[in-house]
């Protein structure tokens, strides 16, 4: 059982240096395997011993990564939270530990029973046999984003025996603390004897060449109204301008994309069935395209880096 006893001040957020002339991002590049590896980013070769990692700072813009005889292009778009580069495409585990307030273990246990479903995830032991577990397996990710997994503790940071959370007016007696684990470190922490018999994570055969580029507006998305279709093509060209920009011009291109990725009201009035009653709703109408674009813009905003063609 873990206890709350000191204020957590550690934030794993990594941000750009505001004094820097061009936007850049610090990544943690990790090698969880039992063998030393070499990874090349642009013209620099990085040597990573077994079960180790290092910090790599990259300016915004296009980059290339080569590992194990394959290479891939990616784009750096810095944000305010952490990101792990996983060149071996290994499994990682996002795990929650629940801390109980000292002296209130009984209340904490009752509280945990009410909230534990929020921290449980389905895991398939074998085909047709699924159990709920307090962790998520992250597979086949070149970039593991903190905006997606919201870890309190990174790969190299151990759990403490206790924490104190500033509760304010809250009466909660539990505090979840999440951590990103390498696979072997996870087994060592939870103990294999505490896992179901026969428990094993699937080992991926994915290679860098199997990874797909991030697509902002897919070619399959069309709008059955010419003015809206022209604007949709404009969105595609704005994204293309972004991924071809350098660190100096990245911010302007990104701001143009995120602030102006919306159909003008005059086009909506002509092309949307919400305004133009002569138009019928369809799979290719402007409203459905707007929803898709909005979701992809949200995904893009959460990324520090993404694969490109």
C-alpha atoms as a PDB file:
ATOM      1  CA  UNK A   1       0.000   0.000   0.000  1.00  0.00           C
ATOM      2  CA  UNK A   2       1.253   3.510  -0.853  1.00  0.00           C
ATOM      3  CA  UNK A   3       0.780   6.526   1.418  1.00  0.00           C
ATOM      4  CA  UNK A   4       0.405  10.233   0.757  1.00  0.00           C
ATOM      5  CA  UNK A   5       2.924  12.286   2.716  1.00  0.00           C
ATOM      6  CA  UNK A   6       4.626  14.964   0.645  1.00  0.00           C
ATOM      7  CA  UNK A   7       3.635  17.432  -2.038  1.00  0.00           C
ATOM      8  CA  UNK A   8       4.417  16.303  -5.556  1.00  0.00           C
ATOM      9  CA  UNK A   9       6.331  19.065  -7.243  1.00  0.00           C
ATOM     10  CA  UNK A  10       7.785  17.126 -10.140  1.00  0.00           C
ATOM     11  CA  UNK A  11       6.277  17.888 -13.504  1.00  0.00           C
ATOM     12  CA  UNK A  12       7.470  15.942 -16.494  1.00  0.00           C
ATOM     13  CA  UNK A  13       6.510  18.665 -18.868  1.00  0.00           C
ATOM     14  CA  UNK A  14       9.274  19.622 -21.263  1.00  0.00           C
ATOM     15  CA  UNK A  15       8.923  22.929 -22.986  1.00  0.00           C
ATOM     16  CA  UNK A  16      10.864  25.023 -25.396  1.00  0.00           C
ATOM     17  CA  UNK A  17      13.434  27.436 -24.016  1.00  0.00           C
ATOM     18  CA  UNK A  18      11.710  30.831 -24.360  1.00  0.00           C
ATOM     19  CA  UNK A  19      15.067  32.478 -25.036  1.00  0.00           C
ATOM     20  CA  UNK A  20      15.744  30.203 -27.989  1.00  0.00           C
ATOM     21  CA  UNK A  21      15.773  31.844 -31.401  1.00  0.00           C
ATOM     22  CA  UNK A  22      13.848  29.004 -32.980  1.00  0.00           C
ATOM     23  CA  UNK A  23      11.323  26.610 -31.403  1.00  0.00           C
ATOM     24  CA  UNK A  24      12.779  23.271 -30.393  1.00  0.00           C
ATOM     25  CA  UNK A  25      11.825  20.255 -28.323  1.00  0.00           C
ATOM     26  CA  UNK A  26      13.648  17.976 -25.898  1.00  0.00           C
ATOM     27  CA  UNK A  27      12.749  14.306 -26.382  1.00  0.00           C
ATOM     28  CA  UNK A  28      13.721  11.289 -24.323  1.00  0.00           C
ATOM     29  CA  UNK A  29      14.998   8.639 -26.762  1.00  0.00           C
ATOM     30  CA  UNK A  30      14.826   5.215 -25.144  1.00  0.00           C
ATOM     31  CA  UNK A  31      16.335   1.786 -25.663  1.00  0.00           C
ATOM     32  CA  UNK A  32      14.514  -0.760 -23.455  1.00  0.00           C
ATOM     33  CA  UNK A  33      16.147  -3.778 -25.089  1.00  0.00           C
ATOM     34  CA  UNK A  34      18.929  -6.005 -23.761  1.00  0.00           C
ATOM     35  CA  UNK A  35      21.283  -4.926 -26.551  1.00  0.00           C
ATOM     36  CA  UNK A  36      23.068  -1.703 -27.438  1.00  0.00           C
ATOM     37  CA  UNK A  37      21.611   0.084 -30.470  1.00  0.00           C
ATOM     38  CA  UNK A  38      22.514   2.927 -32.802  1.00  0.00           C
ATOM     39  CA  UNK A  39      19.950   5.486 -33.952  1.00  0.00           C
ATOM     40  CA  UNK A  40      20.663   8.165 -36.520  1.00  0.00           C
ATOM     41  CA  UNK A  41      18.640  11.379 -36.515  1.00  0.00           C
ATOM     42  CA  UNK A  42      19.479  13.572 -39.465  1.00  0.00           C
ATOM     43  CA  UNK A  43      23.310  13.467 -39.581  1.00  0.00           C
ATOM     44  CA  UNK A  44      23.941  12.546 -35.931  1.00  0.00           C
ATOM     45  CA  UNK A  45      24.415   8.956 -34.744  1.00  0.00           C
ATOM     46  CA  UNK A  46      23.356   8.211 -31.163  1.00  0.00           C
ATOM     47  CA  UNK A  47      24.709   5.192 -29.284  1.00  0.00           C
ATOM     48  CA  UNK A  48      22.264   3.835 -26.708  1.00  0.00           C
ATOM     49  CA  UNK A  49      23.484   1.068 -24.390  1.00  0.00           C
ATOM     50  CA  UNK A  50      21.038  -1.642 -23.309  1.00  0.00           C
ATOM     51  CA  UNK A  51      18.227  -0.435 -21.013  1.00  0.00           C
ATOM     52  CA  UNK A  52      19.179   3.201 -21.316  1.00  0.00           C
ATOM     53  CA  UNK A  53      18.153   6.427 -22.939  1.00  0.00           C
ATOM     54  CA  UNK A  54      19.233  10.008 -23.523  1.00  0.00           C
ATOM     55  CA  UNK A  55      17.838  13.475 -24.122  1.00  0.00           C
ATOM     56  CA  UNK A  56      17.752  14.701 -27.704  1.00  0.00           C
ATOM     57  CA  UNK A  57      16.851  18.287 -28.588  1.00  0.00           C
ATOM     58  CA  UNK A  58      15.458  18.872 -32.057  1.00  0.00           C
ATOM     59  CA  UNK A  59      14.328  22.090 -33.729  1.00  0.00           C
ATOM     60  CA  UNK A  60      10.827  22.327 -35.138  1.00  0.00           C
ATOM     61  CA  UNK A  61      10.548  21.098 -38.704  1.00  0.00           C
ATOM     62  CA  UNK A  62      11.398  18.051 -40.790  1.00  0.00           C
ATOM     63  CA  UNK A  63      13.782  15.329 -39.628  1.00  0.00           C
ATOM     64  CA  UNK A  64      14.774  11.802 -40.528  1.00  0.00           C
ATOM     65  CA  UNK A  65      15.361   8.826 -38.219  1.00  0.00           C
ATOM     66  CA  UNK A  66      17.240   5.659 -39.177  1.00  0.00           C
ATOM     67  CA  UNK A  67      17.412   2.461 -37.163  1.00  0.00           C
ATOM     68  CA  UNK A  68      18.094  -1.178 -37.955  1.00  0.00           C
ATOM     69  CA  UNK A  69      18.452  -0.624 -41.678  1.00  0.00           C
ATOM     70  CA  UNK A  70      15.259   1.410 -42.081  1.00  0.00           C
ATOM     71  CA  UNK A  71      14.470   5.105 -42.018  1.00  0.00           C
ATOM     72  CA  UNK A  72      11.462   7.326 -41.596  1.00  0.00           C
ATOM     73  CA  UNK A  73      10.667  11.025 -41.972  1.00  0.00           C
ATOM     74  CA  UNK A  74       9.010  12.978 -39.196  1.00  0.00           C
ATOM     75  CA  UNK A  75       8.071  16.512 -38.234  1.00  0.00           C
ATOM     76  CA  UNK A  76       8.710  18.153 -34.854  1.00  0.00           C
ATOM     77  CA  UNK A  77       5.900  20.394 -33.551  1.00  0.00           C
ATOM     78  CA  UNK A  78       6.818  21.332 -29.960  1.00  0.00           C
ATOM     79  CA  UNK A  79       4.215  21.497 -27.226  1.00  0.00           C
ATOM     80  CA  UNK A  80       4.407  21.812 -23.438  1.00  0.00           C
ATOM     81  CA  UNK A  81       4.454  18.152 -22.414  1.00  0.00           C
ATOM     82  CA  UNK A  82       6.853  15.242 -22.679  1.00  0.00           C
ATOM     83  CA  UNK A  83       7.450  12.817 -25.517  1.00  0.00           C
ATOM     84  CA  UNK A  84       9.446   9.579 -25.752  1.00  0.00           C
ATOM     85  CA  UNK A  85      11.083   8.453 -28.992  1.00  0.00           C
ATOM     86  CA  UNK A  86      10.804   4.659 -29.229  1.00  0.00           C
ATOM     87  CA  UNK A  87      12.967   3.635 -32.228  1.00  0.00           C
ATOM     88  CA  UNK A  88      12.758  -0.104 -31.432  1.00  0.00           C
ATOM     89  CA  UNK A  89       8.920   0.094 -31.387  1.00  0.00           C
ATOM     90  CA  UNK A  90       8.990  -1.825 -28.104  1.00  0.00           C
ATOM     91  CA  UNK A  91       6.107  -2.319 -25.690  1.00  0.00           C
ATOM     92  CA  UNK A  92       5.664   0.203 -22.894  1.00  0.00           C
ATOM     93  CA  UNK A  93       3.153   0.141 -20.070  1.00  0.00           C
ATOM     94  CA  UNK A  94       1.140   3.051 -18.720  1.00  0.00           C
ATOM     95  CA  UNK A  95       0.342   2.081 -15.127  1.00  0.00           C
ATOM     96  CA  UNK A  96      -1.622   3.608 -12.251  1.00  0.00           C
ATOM     97  CA  UNK A  97      -0.627   3.245  -8.628  1.00  0.00           C
ATOM     98  CA  UNK A  98      -3.241   4.404  -6.111  1.00  0.00           C
ATOM     99  CA  UNK A  99      -1.966   6.113  -2.947  1.00  0.00           C
ATOM    100  CA  UNK A 100      -4.064   6.078   0.251  1.00  0.00           C
ATOM    101  CA  UNK A 101      -4.098   8.816   2.874  1.00  0.00           C
ATOM    102  CA  UNK A 102      -2.304   7.622   5.983  1.00  0.00           C
ATOM    103  CA  UNK A 103      -4.767   6.755   8.721  1.00  0.00           C
ATOM    104  CA  UNK A 104      -7.715   6.630   6.332  1.00  0.00           C
ATOM    105  CA  UNK A 105      -7.030   3.333   4.586  1.00  0.00           C
ATOM    106  CA  UNK A 106     -10.582   2.066   5.131  1.00  0.00           C
ATOM    107  CA  UNK A 107     -12.129   5.193   3.620  1.00  0.00           C
ATOM    108  CA  UNK A 108      -9.575   5.038   0.812  1.00  0.00           C
ATOM    109  CA  UNK A 109     -10.435   1.447  -0.019  1.00  0.00           C
ATOM    110  CA  UNK A 110     -14.141   2.309  -0.206  1.00  0.00           C
ATOM    111  CA  UNK A 111     -13.350   5.337  -2.339  1.00  0.00           C
ATOM    112  CA  UNK A 112     -11.152   3.297  -4.649  1.00  0.00           C
ATOM    113  CA  UNK A 113     -13.925   0.751  -5.218  1.00  0.00           C
ATOM    114  CA  UNK A 114     -16.088   3.573  -6.567  1.00  0.00           C
ATOM    115  CA  UNK A 115     -13.488   5.024  -8.928  1.00  0.00           C
ATOM    116  CA  UNK A 116     -11.328   2.060  -9.926  1.00  0.00           C
ATOM    117  CA  UNK A 117     -13.139   1.461 -13.227  1.00  0.00           C
ATOM    118  CA  UNK A 118     -11.625   4.728 -14.482  1.00  0.00           C
ATOM    119  CA  UNK A 119      -8.163   3.165 -14.169  1.00  0.00           C
ATOM    120  CA  UNK A 120      -8.975  -0.290 -15.499  1.00  0.00           C
ATOM    121  CA  UNK A 121      -8.527  -1.387 -19.100  1.00  0.00           C
ATOM    122  CA  UNK A 122      -9.334  -4.613 -20.966  1.00  0.00           C
ATOM    123  CA  UNK A 123      -6.415  -6.930 -21.688  1.00  0.00           C
ATOM    124  CA  UNK A 124      -6.667 -10.092 -23.759  1.00  0.00           C
ATOM    125  CA  UNK A 125      -4.802 -12.929 -22.046  1.00  0.00           C
ATOM    126  CA  UNK A 126      -5.569 -15.185 -24.982  1.00  0.00           C
ATOM    127  CA  UNK A 127      -8.144 -15.135 -27.767  1.00  0.00           C
ATOM    128  CA  UNK A 128     -11.581 -14.956 -26.176  1.00  0.00           C
ATOM    129  CA  UNK A 129     -10.215 -14.464 -22.650  1.00  0.00           C
ATOM    130  CA  UNK A 130     -10.148 -10.804 -21.580  1.00  0.00           C
ATOM    131  CA  UNK A 131      -9.582  -9.383 -18.111  1.00  0.00           C
ATOM    132  CA  UNK A 132      -9.541  -5.833 -16.707  1.00  0.00           C
ATOM    133  CA  UNK A 133      -6.134  -4.578 -15.588  1.00  0.00           C
ATOM    134  CA  UNK A 134      -4.893  -1.249 -14.115  1.00  0.00           C
ATOM    135  CA  UNK A 135      -2.603  -0.492 -17.041  1.00  0.00           C
ATOM    136  CA  UNK A 136      -2.470   0.121 -20.777  1.00  0.00           C
ATOM    137  CA  UNK A 137      -0.024  -1.509 -23.165  1.00  0.00           C
ATOM    138  CA  UNK A 138       1.519   0.918 -25.663  1.00  0.00           C
ATOM    139  CA  UNK A 139       2.630  -0.914 -28.800  1.00  0.00           C
ATOM    140  CA  UNK A 140       4.093   0.133 -32.142  1.00  0.00           C
ATOM    141  CA  UNK A 141       4.469   3.822 -31.208  1.00  0.00           C
ATOM    142  CA  UNK A 142       7.507   5.670 -32.480  1.00  0.00           C
ATOM    143  CA  UNK A 143       6.425   8.684 -30.435  1.00  0.00           C
ATOM    144  CA  UNK A 144       4.796   8.189 -27.025  1.00  0.00           C
ATOM    145  CA  UNK A 145       3.084  11.447 -26.100  1.00  0.00           C
ATOM    146  CA  UNK A 146       2.399  12.625 -22.569  1.00  0.00           C
ATOM    147  CA  UNK A 147      -0.648  14.492 -23.833  1.00  0.00           C
ATOM    148  CA  UNK A 148      -2.122  11.090 -24.677  1.00  0.00           C
ATOM    149  CA  UNK A 149      -1.074   9.161 -21.561  1.00  0.00           C
ATOM    150  CA  UNK A 150      -0.629  11.911 -18.905  1.00  0.00           C
ATOM    151  CA  UNK A 151       2.059  10.200 -16.832  1.00  0.00           C
ATOM    152  CA  UNK A 152       3.234  11.691 -13.538  1.00  0.00           C
ATOM    153  CA  UNK A 153       6.493   9.715 -13.602  1.00  0.00           C
ATOM    154  CA  UNK A 154       8.609   9.023 -16.649  1.00  0.00           C
ATOM    155  CA  UNK A 155      10.556   5.917 -17.614  1.00  0.00           C
ATOM    156  CA  UNK A 156      13.529   6.553 -15.328  1.00  0.00           C
ATOM    157  CA  UNK A 157      11.590   7.913 -12.328  1.00  0.00           C
ATOM    158  CA  UNK A 158      10.677   5.391  -9.605  1.00  0.00           C
ATOM    159  CA  UNK A 159       7.560   5.406  -7.491  1.00  0.00           C
ATOM    160  CA  UNK A 160       8.066   6.854  -4.014  1.00  0.00           C
ATOM    161  CA  UNK A 161       6.832   5.245  -0.826  1.00  0.00           C
ATOM    162  CA  UNK A 162       4.440   8.128  -0.377  1.00  0.00           C
ATOM    163  CA  UNK A 163       3.238  11.458  -1.706  1.00  0.00           C
ATOM    164  CA  UNK A 164       1.213  14.371  -0.409  1.00  0.00           C
ATOM    165  CA  UNK A 165      -1.306  15.917  -2.764  1.00  0.00           C
ATOM    166  CA  UNK A 166      -2.577  19.424  -2.024  1.00  0.00           C
ATOM    167  CA  UNK A 167      -6.270  18.596  -1.679  1.00  0.00           C
ATOM    168  CA  UNK A 168      -7.739  22.066  -1.250  1.00  0.00           C
ATOM    169  CA  UNK A 169     -11.421  21.594  -0.462  1.00  0.00           C
ATOM    170  CA  UNK A 170     -11.391  17.986  -1.655  1.00  0.00           C
ATOM    171  CA  UNK A 171     -12.263  15.221   0.791  1.00  0.00           C
ATOM    172  CA  UNK A 172     -10.637  12.526  -1.319  1.00  0.00           C
ATOM    173  CA  UNK A 173      -8.428  10.059   0.533  1.00  0.00           C
ATOM    174  CA  UNK A 174      -6.861   8.501  -2.567  1.00  0.00           C
ATOM    175  CA  UNK A 175      -4.478   9.883  -5.190  1.00  0.00           C
ATOM    176  CA  UNK A 176      -3.675   8.106  -8.476  1.00  0.00           C
ATOM    177  CA  UNK A 177      -0.097   8.395  -9.701  1.00  0.00           C
ATOM    178  CA  UNK A 178       0.632   7.213 -13.216  1.00  0.00           C
ATOM    179  CA  UNK A 179       3.959   6.034 -14.613  1.00  0.00           C
ATOM    180  CA  UNK A 180       5.419   5.001 -17.951  1.00  0.00           C
ATOM    181  CA  UNK A 181       7.294   1.676 -17.686  1.00  0.00           C
ATOM    182  CA  UNK A 182       9.608  -0.286 -19.905  1.00  0.00           C
ATOM    183  CA  UNK A 183       8.266  -3.824 -20.181  1.00  0.00           C
ATOM    184  CA  UNK A 184      10.921  -5.510 -18.008  1.00  0.00           C
ATOM    185  CA  UNK A 185      10.781  -2.725 -15.431  1.00  0.00           C
ATOM    186  CA  UNK A 186       7.024  -3.218 -15.200  1.00  0.00           C
ATOM    187  CA  UNK A 187       7.448  -6.940 -14.512  1.00  0.00           C
ATOM    188  CA  UNK A 188      10.048  -6.170 -11.849  1.00  0.00           C
ATOM    189  CA  UNK A 189       7.793  -3.606 -10.201  1.00  0.00           C
ATOM    190  CA  UNK A 190       4.526  -5.543 -10.022  1.00  0.00           C
ATOM    191  CA  UNK A 191       6.155  -8.986  -9.708  1.00  0.00           C
ATOM    192  CA  UNK A 192       5.420 -11.690 -12.222  1.00  0.00           C
ATOM    193  CA  UNK A 193       3.872 -13.768  -9.430  1.00  0.00           C
ATOM    194  CA  UNK A 194       1.154 -11.107  -9.108  1.00  0.00           C
ATOM    195  CA  UNK A 195       0.161 -11.392 -12.759  1.00  0.00           C
ATOM    196  CA  UNK A 196      -2.201 -14.055 -14.142  1.00  0.00           C
ATOM    197  CA  UNK A 197      -0.602 -17.367 -15.020  1.00  0.00           C
ATOM    198  CA  UNK A 198       0.706 -17.340 -18.555  1.00  0.00           C
ATOM    199  CA  UNK A 199       0.626 -13.539 -18.715  1.00  0.00           C
ATOM    200  CA  UNK A 200       2.825 -12.154 -21.492  1.00  0.00           C
ATOM    201  CA  UNK A 201       2.759  -9.096 -23.684  1.00  0.00           C
ATOM    202  CA  UNK A 202       2.596  -9.705 -27.403  1.00  0.00           C
ATOM    203  CA  UNK A 203       5.835  -8.903 -29.174  1.00  0.00           C
ATOM    204  CA  UNK A 204       5.296  -6.832 -32.276  1.00  0.00           C
ATOM    205  CA  UNK A 205       6.868  -7.513 -35.641  1.00  0.00           C
ATOM    206  CA  UNK A 206       6.326  -3.894 -36.669  1.00  0.00           C
ATOM    207  CA  UNK A 207       9.139  -2.062 -38.420  1.00  0.00           C
ATOM    208  CA  UNK A 208       9.601   1.617 -39.102  1.00  0.00           C
ATOM    209  CA  UNK A 209       8.471   1.035 -42.673  1.00  0.00           C
ATOM    210  CA  UNK A 210       5.126  -0.257 -41.373  1.00  0.00           C
ATOM    211  CA  UNK A 211       4.259   3.012 -39.661  1.00  0.00           C
ATOM    212  CA  UNK A 212       1.770   5.265 -41.411  1.00  0.00           C
ATOM    213  CA  UNK A 213       2.151   9.041 -41.820  1.00  0.00           C
ATOM    214  CA  UNK A 214      -0.196  11.390 -40.020  1.00  0.00           C
ATOM    215  CA  UNK A 215      -2.937  12.518 -42.401  1.00  0.00           C
ATOM    216  CA  UNK A 216      -4.665  15.796 -41.624  1.00  0.00           C
ATOM    217  CA  UNK A 217      -7.349  15.659 -44.319  1.00  0.00           C
ATOM    218  CA  UNK A 218      -7.530  12.318 -46.095  1.00  0.00           C
ATOM    219  CA  UNK A 219      -7.986  12.259 -49.866  1.00  0.00           C
ATOM    220  CA  UNK A 220     -11.110  10.199 -49.273  1.00  0.00           C
ATOM    221  CA  UNK A 221     -12.792  13.149 -47.501  1.00  0.00           C
ATOM    222  CA  UNK A 222     -14.770  15.162 -50.022  1.00  0.00           C
ATOM    223  CA  UNK A 223     -17.609  17.668 -49.853  1.00  0.00           C
ATOM    224  CA  UNK A 224     -20.482  17.592 -52.306  1.00  0.00           C
ATOM    225  CA  UNK A 225     -20.535  21.375 -52.681  1.00  0.00           C
ATOM    226  CA  UNK A 226     -17.915  23.069 -54.847  1.00  0.00           C
ATOM    227  CA  UNK A 227     -17.112  26.143 -52.675  1.00  0.00           C
ATOM    228  CA  UNK A 228     -16.624  23.893 -49.630  1.00  0.00           C
ATOM    229  CA  UNK A 229     -14.532  21.417 -51.619  1.00  0.00           C
ATOM    230  CA  UNK A 230     -12.203  24.245 -52.659  1.00  0.00           C
ATOM    231  CA  UNK A 231     -11.805  25.217 -49.012  1.00  0.00           C
ATOM    232  CA  UNK A 232     -11.130  21.586 -48.115  1.00  0.00           C
ATOM    233  CA  UNK A 233      -8.314  21.578 -50.663  1.00  0.00           C
ATOM    234  CA  UNK A 234      -7.016  24.759 -49.019  1.00  0.00           C
ATOM    235  CA  UNK A 235      -6.817  22.917 -45.672  1.00  0.00           C
ATOM    236  CA  UNK A 236      -4.720  20.217 -47.310  1.00  0.00           C
ATOM    237  CA  UNK A 237      -2.369  22.778 -48.804  1.00  0.00           C
ATOM    238  CA  UNK A 238      -1.982  24.530 -45.426  1.00  0.00           C
ATOM    239  CA  UNK A 239      -0.967  21.262 -43.812  1.00  0.00           C
ATOM    240  CA  UNK A 240       1.476  20.590 -46.650  1.00  0.00           C
ATOM    241  CA  UNK A 241       2.999  24.045 -46.110  1.00  0.00           C
ATOM    242  CA  UNK A 242       3.390  23.235 -42.411  1.00  0.00           C
ATOM    243  CA  UNK A 243       5.270  19.964 -42.934  1.00  0.00           C
ATOM    244  CA  UNK A 244       7.556  21.645 -45.460  1.00  0.00           C
ATOM    245  CA  UNK A 245       8.379  24.557 -43.155  1.00  0.00           C
ATOM    246  CA  UNK A 246      11.569  24.988 -41.146  1.00  0.00           C
ATOM    247  CA  UNK A 247      11.985  26.008 -37.504  1.00  0.00           C
ATOM    248  CA  UNK A 248      12.054  29.697 -38.358  1.00  0.00           C
ATOM    249  CA  UNK A 249       8.698  29.629 -40.166  1.00  0.00           C
ATOM    250  CA  UNK A 250       7.018  26.753 -38.325  1.00  0.00           C
ATOM    251  CA  UNK A 251       5.011  28.815 -35.839  1.00  0.00           C
ATOM    252  CA  UNK A 252       3.420  31.047 -38.465  1.00  0.00           C
ATOM    253  CA  UNK A 253       2.437  28.058 -40.606  1.00  0.00           C
ATOM    254  CA  UNK A 254       1.040  26.185 -37.601  1.00  0.00           C
ATOM    255  CA  UNK A 255      -0.936  29.215 -36.400  1.00  0.00           C
ATOM    256  CA  UNK A 256      -2.418  29.656 -39.867  1.00  0.00           C
ATOM    257  CA  UNK A 257      -3.495  26.028 -39.864  1.00  0.00           C
ATOM    258  CA  UNK A 258      -5.082  25.925 -36.411  1.00  0.00           C
ATOM    259  CA  UNK A 259      -6.658  29.404 -36.363  1.00  0.00           C
ATOM    260  CA  UNK A 260      -8.108  29.353 -39.857  1.00  0.00           C
ATOM    261  CA  UNK A 261      -9.128  25.734 -40.226  1.00  0.00           C
ATOM    262  CA  UNK A 262     -12.816  26.500 -40.300  1.00  0.00           C
ATOM    263  CA  UNK A 263     -15.272  26.921 -43.141  1.00  0.00           C
ATOM    264  CA  UNK A 264     -16.292  30.598 -43.557  1.00  0.00           C
ATOM    265  CA  UNK A 265     -19.898  31.307 -42.612  1.00  0.00           C
ATOM    266  CA  UNK A 266     -20.838  32.277 -46.176  1.00  0.00           C
ATOM    267  CA  UNK A 267     -19.710  28.844 -47.406  1.00  0.00           C
ATOM    268  CA  UNK A 268     -21.594  27.115 -44.588  1.00  0.00           C
ATOM    269  CA  UNK A 269     -24.746  29.030 -45.513  1.00  0.00           C
ATOM    270  CA  UNK A 270     -24.445  27.852 -49.094  1.00  0.00           C
ATOM    271  CA  UNK A 271     -23.282  24.277 -48.491  1.00  0.00           C
ATOM    272  CA  UNK A 272     -24.659  23.187 -45.108  1.00  0.00           C
ATOM    273  CA  UNK A 273     -28.106  21.658 -44.715  1.00  0.00           C
ATOM    274  CA  UNK A 274     -28.299  23.492 -41.382  1.00  0.00           C
ATOM    275  CA  UNK A 275     -28.586  26.772 -43.281  1.00  0.00           C
ATOM    276  CA  UNK A 276     -29.560  25.781 -46.809  1.00  0.00           C
ATOM    277  CA  UNK A 277     -32.758  23.772 -46.565  1.00  0.00           C
ATOM    278  CA  UNK A 278     -32.500  22.784 -50.226  1.00  0.00           C
ATOM    279  CA  UNK A 279     -29.490  20.621 -49.402  1.00  0.00           C
ATOM    280  CA  UNK A 280     -29.874  17.171 -47.876  1.00  0.00           C
ATOM    281  CA  UNK A 281     -27.470  15.796 -45.291  1.00  0.00           C
ATOM    282  CA  UNK A 282     -25.088  13.144 -46.635  1.00  0.00           C
ATOM    283  CA  UNK A 283     -21.842  11.373 -45.802  1.00  0.00           C
ATOM    284  CA  UNK A 284     -20.024  13.954 -47.921  1.00  0.00           C
ATOM    285  CA  UNK A 285     -21.589  17.113 -46.534  1.00  0.00           C
ATOM    286  CA  UNK A 286     -19.735  20.065 -45.070  1.00  0.00           C
ATOM    287  CA  UNK A 287     -20.826  19.402 -41.480  1.00  0.00           C
ATOM    288  CA  UNK A 288     -19.335  15.913 -41.355  1.00  0.00           C
ATOM    289  CA  UNK A 289     -16.138  17.214 -42.960  1.00  0.00           C
ATOM    290  CA  UNK A 290     -15.952  19.935 -40.289  1.00  0.00           C
ATOM    291  CA  UNK A 291     -16.195  17.326 -37.532  1.00  0.00           C
ATOM    292  CA  UNK A 292     -13.411  15.224 -39.082  1.00  0.00           C
ATOM    293  CA  UNK A 293     -11.145  18.230 -39.492  1.00  0.00           C
ATOM    294  CA  UNK A 294     -11.803  19.354 -35.928  1.00  0.00           C
ATOM    295  CA  UNK A 295     -10.898  15.937 -34.525  1.00  0.00           C
ATOM    296  CA  UNK A 296      -7.711  15.769 -36.576  1.00  0.00           C
ATOM    297  CA  UNK A 297      -6.728  19.277 -35.511  1.00  0.00           C
ATOM    298  CA  UNK A 298      -7.166  18.199 -31.879  1.00  0.00           C
ATOM    299  CA  UNK A 299      -4.949  15.157 -32.492  1.00  0.00           C
ATOM    300  CA  UNK A 300      -2.332  17.338 -34.179  1.00  0.00           C
ATOM    301  CA  UNK A 301      -2.276  19.854 -31.326  1.00  0.00           C
ATOM    302  CA  UNK A 302      -1.412  17.057 -28.838  1.00  0.00           C
ATOM    303  CA  UNK A 303       1.633  15.910 -30.797  1.00  0.00           C
ATOM    304  CA  UNK A 304       5.280  16.884 -30.361  1.00  0.00           C
ATOM    305  CA  UNK A 305       6.200  14.900 -33.462  1.00  0.00           C
ATOM    306  CA  UNK A 306       4.450  12.947 -36.181  1.00  0.00           C
ATOM    307  CA  UNK A 307       5.427  10.789 -39.126  1.00  0.00           C
ATOM    308  CA  UNK A 308       5.272  12.348 -42.590  1.00  0.00           C
ATOM    309  CA  UNK A 309       5.782  11.092 -46.111  1.00  0.00           C
END
